[in-house]
Amino acid sequence: MDLGPHAGFIVGAYAFTALVIGGLIVGALLDQRAQKRALATFADTAGERRS
């Protein structure tokens, strides 16, 4: 595959895009875990108030 004289730019752009998308996925997964923990804590606290 010949990308011509702009091969470095093309490969770099794809690499940067993959890095950004990977970071977004990791961030979403970490946020999901944090939200689940917060919701569990909130549910435990709400259950204690009612009892």
Protein backbone atom coordinates (compact mmCIF):
# COMPACT_ATOMS: atom_id res chain seq x y z
CA MET A 1 0.00 0.00 0.00
CA ASP A 2 1.53 3.27 -1.11
CA LEU A 3 0.33 6.29 0.83
CA GLY A 4 2.58 8.67 -1.00
CA PRO A 5 4.49 11.56 0.50
CA HIS A 6 1.85 12.11 3.18
CA ALA A 7 2.14 8.65 4.73
CA GLY A 8 3.38 9.99 8.07
CA PHE A 9 0.46 12.35 8.40
CA ILE A 10 -2.08 9.69 7.45
CA VAL A 11 -0.69 7.08 9.85
CA GLY A 12 -0.39 9.68 12.59
CA ALA A 13 -3.97 10.83 12.11
CA TYR A 14 -5.27 7.27 12.33
CA ALA A 15 -3.13 6.58 15.41
CA PHE A 16 -4.32 9.75 17.13
CA THR A 17 -7.94 8.93 16.31
CA ALA A 18 -7.55 5.41 17.71
CA LEU A 19 -5.98 6.85 20.86
CA VAL A 20 -8.82 9.34 21.36
CA ILE A 21 -11.54 6.74 20.78
CA GLY A 22 -9.77 4.33 23.15
CA GLY A 23 -9.59 7.06 25.78
CA LEU A 24 -13.29 7.79 25.41
CA ILE A 25 -14.13 4.12 25.84
CA VAL A 26 -11.94 3.80 28.93
CA GLY A 27 -13.42 6.98 30.37
CA ALA A 28 -16.96 5.73 29.80
CA LEU A 29 -16.19 2.40 31.47
CA LEU A 30 -14.61 4.10 34.48
CA ASP A 31 -17.57 6.45 34.78
CA GLN A 32 -19.98 3.53 34.57
CA ARG A 33 -18.20 1.82 37.48
CA ALA A 34 -18.26 5.04 39.52
CA GLN A 35 -21.96 5.58 38.83
CA LYS A 36 -22.80 2.01 39.86
CA ARG A 37 -20.88 2.46 43.12
CA ALA A 38 -22.61 5.78 43.79
CA LEU A 39 -26.02 4.30 43.05
CA ALA A 40 -25.36 1.32 45.33
CA THR A 41 -24.27 3.66 48.13
CA PHE A 42 -27.34 5.82 47.59
CA ALA A 43 -29.63 2.76 47.63
CA ASP A 44 -28.04 1.51 50.86
CA THR A 45 -28.42 4.93 52.48
CA ALA A 46 -32.04 5.28 51.33
CA GLY A 47 -32.83 1.79 52.65
CA GLU A 48 -31.42 2.65 56.06
CA ARG A 49 -33.58 5.79 56.30
CA ARG A 50 -36.80 3.92 55.62
CA SER A 51 -36.14 1.19 58.16
